C-alpha atoms as a PDB file:
ATOM      1  CA  MET A   1     119.606 101.458  91.046  1.00  0.00           C
ATOM      2  CA  ALA A   2     116.364 102.571  89.477  1.00  0.00           C
ATOM      3  CA  MET A   3     116.028 104.423  86.208  1.00  0.00           C
ATOM      4  CA  VAL A   4     112.931 106.547  85.786  1.00  0.00           C
ATOM      5  CA  SER A   5     111.567 107.532  82.396  1.00  0.00           C
ATOM      6  CA  ARG A   6     108.390 109.459  81.599  1.00  0.00           C
ATOM      7  CA  VAL A   7     106.308 108.954  78.523  1.00  0.00           C
ATOM      8  CA  GLY A   8     102.875 110.221  77.550  1.00  0.00           C
ATOM      9  CA  PHE A   9     100.193 109.171  75.114  1.00  0.00           C
ATOM     10  CA  GLU A  10      97.584 111.140  73.263  1.00  0.00           C
ATOM     11  CA  ARG A  11      94.491 109.577  71.771  1.00  0.00           C
ATOM     12  CA  ASN A  12      94.055 110.200  68.068  1.00  0.00           C
ATOM     13  CA  ASP A  13      90.669 108.984  66.852  1.00  0.00           C
ATOM     14  CA  SER A  14      91.846 108.129  63.346  1.00  0.00           C
ATOM     15  CA  THR A  15      94.986 106.146  64.175  1.00  0.00           C
ATOM     16  CA  GLY A  16      94.669 105.238  67.846  1.00  0.00           C
ATOM     17  CA  PRO A  17      97.085 106.134  70.657  1.00  0.00           C
ATOM     18  CA  GLU A  18     100.250 107.954  69.656  1.00  0.00           C
ATOM     19  CA  MET A  19     103.463 108.098  71.617  1.00  0.00           C
ATOM     20  CA  LEU A  20     104.513 111.596  72.679  1.00  0.00           C
ATOM     21  CA  GLY A  21     108.013 110.688  73.812  1.00  0.00           C
ATOM     22  CA  GLY A  22     110.280 107.909  75.070  1.00  0.00           C
ATOM     23  CA  GLU A  23     111.595 104.762  73.462  1.00  0.00           C
ATOM     24  CA  SER A  24     109.669 102.380  71.267  1.00  0.00           C
ATOM     25  CA  THR A  25     108.974  98.805  72.317  1.00  0.00           C
ATOM     26  CA  ALA A  26     111.166  97.497  69.471  1.00  0.00           C
ATOM     27  CA  ASP A  27     114.262  99.158  70.989  1.00  0.00           C
ATOM     28  CA  ARG A  28     113.969  97.425  74.377  1.00  0.00           C
ATOM     29  CA  PRO A  29     115.501  94.054  75.313  1.00  0.00           C
ATOM     30  CA  PRO A  30     113.199  91.194  76.465  1.00  0.00           C
ATOM     31  CA  GLU A  31     111.620  92.085  79.761  1.00  0.00           C
ATOM     32  CA  ALA A  32     108.903  91.341  82.246  1.00  0.00           C
ATOM     33  CA  THR A  33     106.632  94.177  83.304  1.00  0.00           C
ATOM     34  CA  VAL A  34     105.072  94.741  86.718  1.00  0.00           C
ATOM     35  CA  LEU A  35     102.104  97.068  86.599  1.00  0.00           C
ATOM     36  CA  PHE A  36     102.045  99.273  89.705  1.00  0.00           C
ATOM     37  CA  THR A  37      98.748  98.953  91.603  1.00  0.00           C
ATOM     38  CA  SER A  38      99.685  99.627  95.250  1.00  0.00           C
ATOM     39  CA  LYS A  39     102.941  99.363  97.171  1.00  0.00           C
ATOM     40  CA  ASP A  40     102.143  96.042  98.894  1.00  0.00           C
ATOM     41  CA  ALA A  41     100.548  94.462  95.836  1.00  0.00           C
ATOM     42  CA  THR A  42     103.378  95.539  93.566  1.00  0.00           C
ATOM     43  CA  GLN A  43     105.981  94.187  95.985  1.00  0.00           C
ATOM     44  CA  ILE A  44     104.361  90.744  95.845  1.00  0.00           C
ATOM     45  CA  ALA A  45     104.037  90.963  92.049  1.00  0.00           C
ATOM     46  CA  ILE A  46     107.769  91.777  91.832  1.00  0.00           C
ATOM     47  CA  ALA A  47     108.547  88.666  93.885  1.00  0.00           C
ATOM     48  CA  GLN A  48     106.425  86.572  91.512  1.00  0.00           C
ATOM     49  CA  ALA A  49     108.083  88.178  88.477  1.00  0.00           C
ATOM     50  CA  ALA A  50     111.532  87.498  89.967  1.00  0.00           C
ATOM     51  CA  ARG A  51     110.932  83.754  89.672  1.00  0.00           C
ATOM     52  CA  TRP A  52     110.149  84.090  85.988  1.00  0.00           C
ATOM     53  CA  ILE A  53     113.066  86.470  85.395  1.00  0.00           C
ATOM     54  CA  LYS A  54     115.614  84.114  86.996  1.00  0.00           C
ATOM     55  CA  ARG A  55     114.555  81.297  84.693  1.00  0.00           C
ATOM     56  CA  ASN A  56     114.285  83.333  81.492  1.00  0.00           C
ATOM     57  CA  GLY A  57     117.038  85.933  81.885  1.00  0.00           C
ATOM     58  CA  ALA A  58     114.847  88.968  81.237  1.00  0.00           C
ATOM     59  CA  SER A  59     114.975  92.413  82.760  1.00  0.00           C
ATOM     60  CA  LEU A  60     112.257  93.969  84.909  1.00  0.00           C
ATOM     61  CA  ARG A  61     110.318  97.159  84.365  1.00  0.00           C
ATOM     62  CA  ILE A  62     107.832  98.655  86.822  1.00  0.00           C
ATOM     63  CA  LEU A  63     105.129 100.501  84.921  1.00  0.00           C
ATOM     64  CA  VAL A  64     103.306 103.367  86.630  1.00  0.00           C
ATOM     65  CA  MET A  65     100.262 104.681  84.800  1.00  0.00           C
ATOM     66  CA  GLN A  66      99.409 108.268  85.724  1.00  0.00           C
ATOM     67  CA  VAL A  67      95.978 109.346  84.522  1.00  0.00           C
ATOM     68  CA  VAL A  68      95.896 112.984  83.436  1.00  0.00           C
ATOM     69  CA  PRO A  69      92.415 114.548  83.289  1.00  0.00           C
ATOM     70  CA  PHE A  70      91.308 115.961  79.932  1.00  0.00           C
ATOM     71  CA  PRO A  71      91.695 119.712  80.435  1.00  0.00           C
ATOM     72  CA  GLU A  72      95.382 119.266  81.288  1.00  0.00           C
ATOM     73  CA  MET A  73      98.107 118.676  78.714  1.00  0.00           C
ATOM     74  CA  LEU A  74      99.585 115.187  78.752  1.00  0.00           C
ATOM     75  CA  ASP A  75     103.177 116.363  78.586  1.00  0.00           C
ATOM     76  CA  HIS A  76     102.778 118.843  81.501  1.00  0.00           C
ATOM     77  CA  PRO A  77     100.502 117.480  84.258  1.00  0.00           C
ATOM     78  CA  THR A  78      99.840 119.826  87.194  1.00  0.00           C
ATOM     79  CA  ARG A  79     100.763 117.230  89.811  1.00  0.00           C
ATOM     80  CA  LEU A  80     102.834 114.091  90.000  1.00  0.00           C
ATOM     81  CA  ASP A  81     101.394 110.858  91.283  1.00  0.00           C
ATOM     82  CA  PRO A  82     102.846 109.712  94.668  1.00  0.00           C
ATOM     83  CA  ASP A  83     102.988 106.191  93.232  1.00  0.00           C
ATOM     84  CA  ILE A  84     106.065 107.235  91.277  1.00  0.00           C
ATOM     85  CA  ARG A  85     108.053 107.626  94.495  1.00  0.00           C
ATOM     86  CA  CYS A  86     106.778 104.278  95.819  1.00  0.00           C
ATOM     87  CA  ALA A  87     107.693 102.530  92.563  1.00  0.00           C
ATOM     88  CA  LYS A  88     111.188 104.003  92.669  1.00  0.00           C
ATOM     89  CA  GLU A  89     111.631 102.809  96.273  1.00  0.00           C
ATOM     90  CA  LEU A  90     110.516  99.293  95.292  1.00  0.00           C
ATOM     91  CA  ALA A  91     112.950  99.302  92.378  1.00  0.00           C
ATOM     92  CA  GLU A  92     115.821 100.320  94.648  1.00  0.00           C
ATOM     93  CA  GLU A  93     114.921  97.645  97.229  1.00  0.00           C
ATOM     94  CA  SER A  94     114.724  94.922  94.589  1.00  0.00           C
ATOM     95  CA  THR A  95     117.318  92.142  94.655  1.00  0.00           C
ATOM     96  CA  ILE A  96     116.755  91.251  90.990  1.00  0.00           C
ATOM     97  CA  GLY A  97     119.328  93.694  89.675  1.00  0.00           C
ATOM     98  CA  GLU A  98     118.665  96.852  87.734  1.00  0.00           C
ATOM     99  CA  VAL A  99     114.973  97.628  87.589  1.00  0.00           C
ATOM    100  CA  ALA A 100     113.607 100.359  85.341  1.00  0.00           C
ATOM    101  CA  VAL A 101     110.645 102.461  86.408  1.00  0.00           C
ATOM    102  CA  ALA A 102     108.580 103.829  83.537  1.00  0.00           C
ATOM    103  CA  VAL A 103     105.902 106.436  84.139  1.00  0.00           C
ATOM    104  CA  TYR A 104     103.271 106.712  81.436  1.00  0.00           C
ATOM    105  CA  LEU A 105     100.937 109.679  81.266  1.00  0.00           C
ATOM    106  CA  CYS A 106      97.598 108.746  79.750  1.00  0.00           C
ATOM    107  CA  ARG A 107      93.908 109.585  79.663  1.00  0.00           C
ATOM    108  CA  LYS A 108      92.754 106.004  80.366  1.00  0.00           C
ATOM    109  CA  VAL A 109      94.816 103.288  82.040  1.00  0.00           C
ATOM    110  CA  ILE A 110      93.843 100.585  79.555  1.00  0.00           C
ATOM    111  CA  GLU A 111      94.875 102.728  76.560  1.00  0.00           C
ATOM    112  CA  GLY A 112      98.205 103.610  78.156  1.00  0.00           C
ATOM    113  CA  VAL A 113      98.961  99.989  79.011  1.00  0.00           C
ATOM    114  CA  LYS A 114      98.122  98.871  75.482  1.00  0.00           C
ATOM    115  CA  CYS A 115     100.633 101.370  74.102  1.00  0.00           C
ATOM    116  CA  ALA A 116     103.327 100.706  76.691  1.00  0.00           C
ATOM    117  CA  ILE A 117     103.435  96.914  76.654  1.00  0.00           C
ATOM    118  CA  ASP A 118     104.095  94.511  73.814  1.00  0.00           C
ATOM    119  CA  ARG A 119     101.593  91.634  73.626  1.00  0.00           C
ATOM    120  CA  GLN A 120     104.364  89.052  74.084  1.00  0.00           C
ATOM    121  CA  THR A 121     105.704  90.706  77.245  1.00  0.00           C
ATOM    122  CA  PRO A 122     104.491  89.034  80.444  1.00  0.00           C
ATOM    123  CA  VAL A 123     102.644  91.454  82.708  1.00  0.00           C
ATOM    124  CA  PHE A 124     102.521  90.849  86.467  1.00  0.00           C
ATOM    125  CA  MET A 125      99.925  92.642  88.591  1.00  0.00           C
ATOM    126  CA  GLY A 126      99.143  92.513  92.278  1.00  0.00           C
ATOM    127  CA  ALA A 127      95.478  92.560  93.280  1.00  0.00           C
ATOM    128  CA  LYS A 128      93.678  92.348  96.593  1.00  0.00           C
ATOM    129  CA  GLY A 129      91.347  89.384  96.740  1.00  0.00           C
ATOM    130  CA  HIS A 130      89.989  87.481  93.777  1.00  0.00           C
ATOM    131  CA  SER A 131      86.873  89.249  92.765  1.00  0.00           C
ATOM    132  CA  TRP A 132      85.634  90.454  89.414  1.00  0.00           C
ATOM    133  CA  TRP A 133      84.581  93.865  90.737  1.00  0.00           C
ATOM    134  CA  THR A 134      88.020  95.063  91.866  1.00  0.00           C
ATOM    135  CA  GLY A 135      89.717  97.398  89.415  1.00  0.00           C
ATOM    136  CA  GLU A 136      92.886  95.321  89.133  1.00  0.00           C
ATOM    137  CA  TRP A 137      91.049  92.134  88.149  1.00  0.00           C
ATOM    138  CA  ARG A 138      88.890  94.033  85.643  1.00  0.00           C
ATOM    139  CA  LEU A 139      92.014  95.540  84.081  1.00  0.00           C
ATOM    140  CA  ALA A 140      93.691  92.118  83.970  1.00  0.00           C
ATOM    141  CA  ARG A 141      90.653  90.611  82.275  1.00  0.00           C
ATOM    142  CA  LYS A 142      90.472  93.441  79.719  1.00  0.00           C
ATOM    143  CA  LEU A 143      94.166  92.980  78.895  1.00  0.00           C
ATOM    144  CA  GLN A 144      93.722  89.196  78.603  1.00  0.00           C
ATOM    145  CA  ASN A 145      90.795  89.711  76.239  1.00  0.00           C
ATOM    146  CA  CYS A 146      93.070  91.880  74.074  1.00  0.00           C
ATOM    147  CA  GLY A 147      95.685  89.112  73.873  1.00  0.00           C
ATOM    148  CA  TYR A 148      98.163  90.206  76.563  1.00  0.00           C
ATOM    149  CA  LEU A 149      99.955  87.711  78.817  1.00  0.00           C
ATOM    150  CA  VAL A 150      98.786  88.702  82.297  1.00  0.00           C
ATOM    151  CA  CYS A 151      99.623  87.087  85.615  1.00  0.00           C
ATOM    152  CA  CYS A 152      97.468  88.532  88.379  1.00  0.00           C
ATOM    153  CA  VAL A 153      98.875  87.812  91.842  1.00  0.00           C
ATOM    154  CA  ASP A 154      96.367  87.505  94.672  1.00  0.00           C
ATOM    155  CA  VAL A 155      97.924  89.576  97.466  1.00  0.00           C
ATOM    156  CA  GLN A 156      95.896  87.969 100.240  1.00  0.00           C
ATOM    157  CA  LYS A 157      96.798  84.402  99.239  1.00  0.00           C
ATOM    158  CA  ARG A 158     100.186  85.327  97.712  1.00  0.00           C
ATOM    159  CA  ARG A 159      99.779  83.150  94.674  1.00  0.00           C
ATOM    160  CA  ALA A 160      99.405  83.741  90.997  1.00  0.00           C
ATOM    161  CA  ARG A 161      96.216  83.058  89.130  1.00  0.00           C
ATOM    162  CA  LEU A 162      96.476  82.463  85.428  1.00  0.00           C
ATOM    163  CA  ARG A 163      92.996  82.388  83.965  1.00  0.00           C
ATOM    164  CA  ASN A 164      92.010  82.358  80.340  1.00  0.00           C
ATOM    165  CA  ILE A 165      95.513  83.046  79.081  1.00  0.00           C
ATOM    166  CA  SER A 166      96.434  81.778  75.691  1.00  0.00           C
ATOM    167  CA  PRO A 167      99.154  80.854  75.007  1.00  0.00           C
ATOM    168  CA  CYS A 168     100.034  79.927  78.570  1.00  0.00           C
ATOM    169  CA  SER A 169     103.386  78.340  77.740  1.00  0.00           C
ATOM    170  CA  ILE A 170     105.276  81.479  78.749  1.00  0.00           C
ATOM    171  CA  PHE A 171     104.151  80.976  82.350  1.00  0.00           C
ATOM    172  CA  SER A 172     104.800  77.242  82.487  1.00  0.00           C
ATOM    173  CA  THR A 173     107.956  77.856  84.516  1.00  0.00           C
ATOM    174  CA  PHE A 174     106.121  78.932  87.703  1.00  0.00           C
END
């Protein structure tokens, strides 16, 4: 059964991103996060995350980042992203157990991810191919440079690539 929660973020130039609603990261139990990229890529990332979850006893959260253009209000977007429905279907099909689906409304994906994920939480992403110019790999590299633990799963080869991650001990169980 999938639980869906919606949270938004607003950029405040003096203090950084502020949470508009939802729960704080301190209130959540240990978890692994799968960042929704596409249905096929996310399905493979969930399978990779399932291995880590079985060994470490964590829960799973699928994170959907919905970008809201500037003229619109973050708490009331004019349309909902179809990825939300796909993420909910993947959560219901999952054999891991209860999977939470969190939808974050943000202006920029990188800012929303930084607010939504704790730096010690492993992040699994599915990406097509292994190339620096694809959006998923660029996002993974930006998150790694900020100190996040990112495992980018190559959808075409169906294997995880762990590059430039420090500390890498959290992923030693693959």
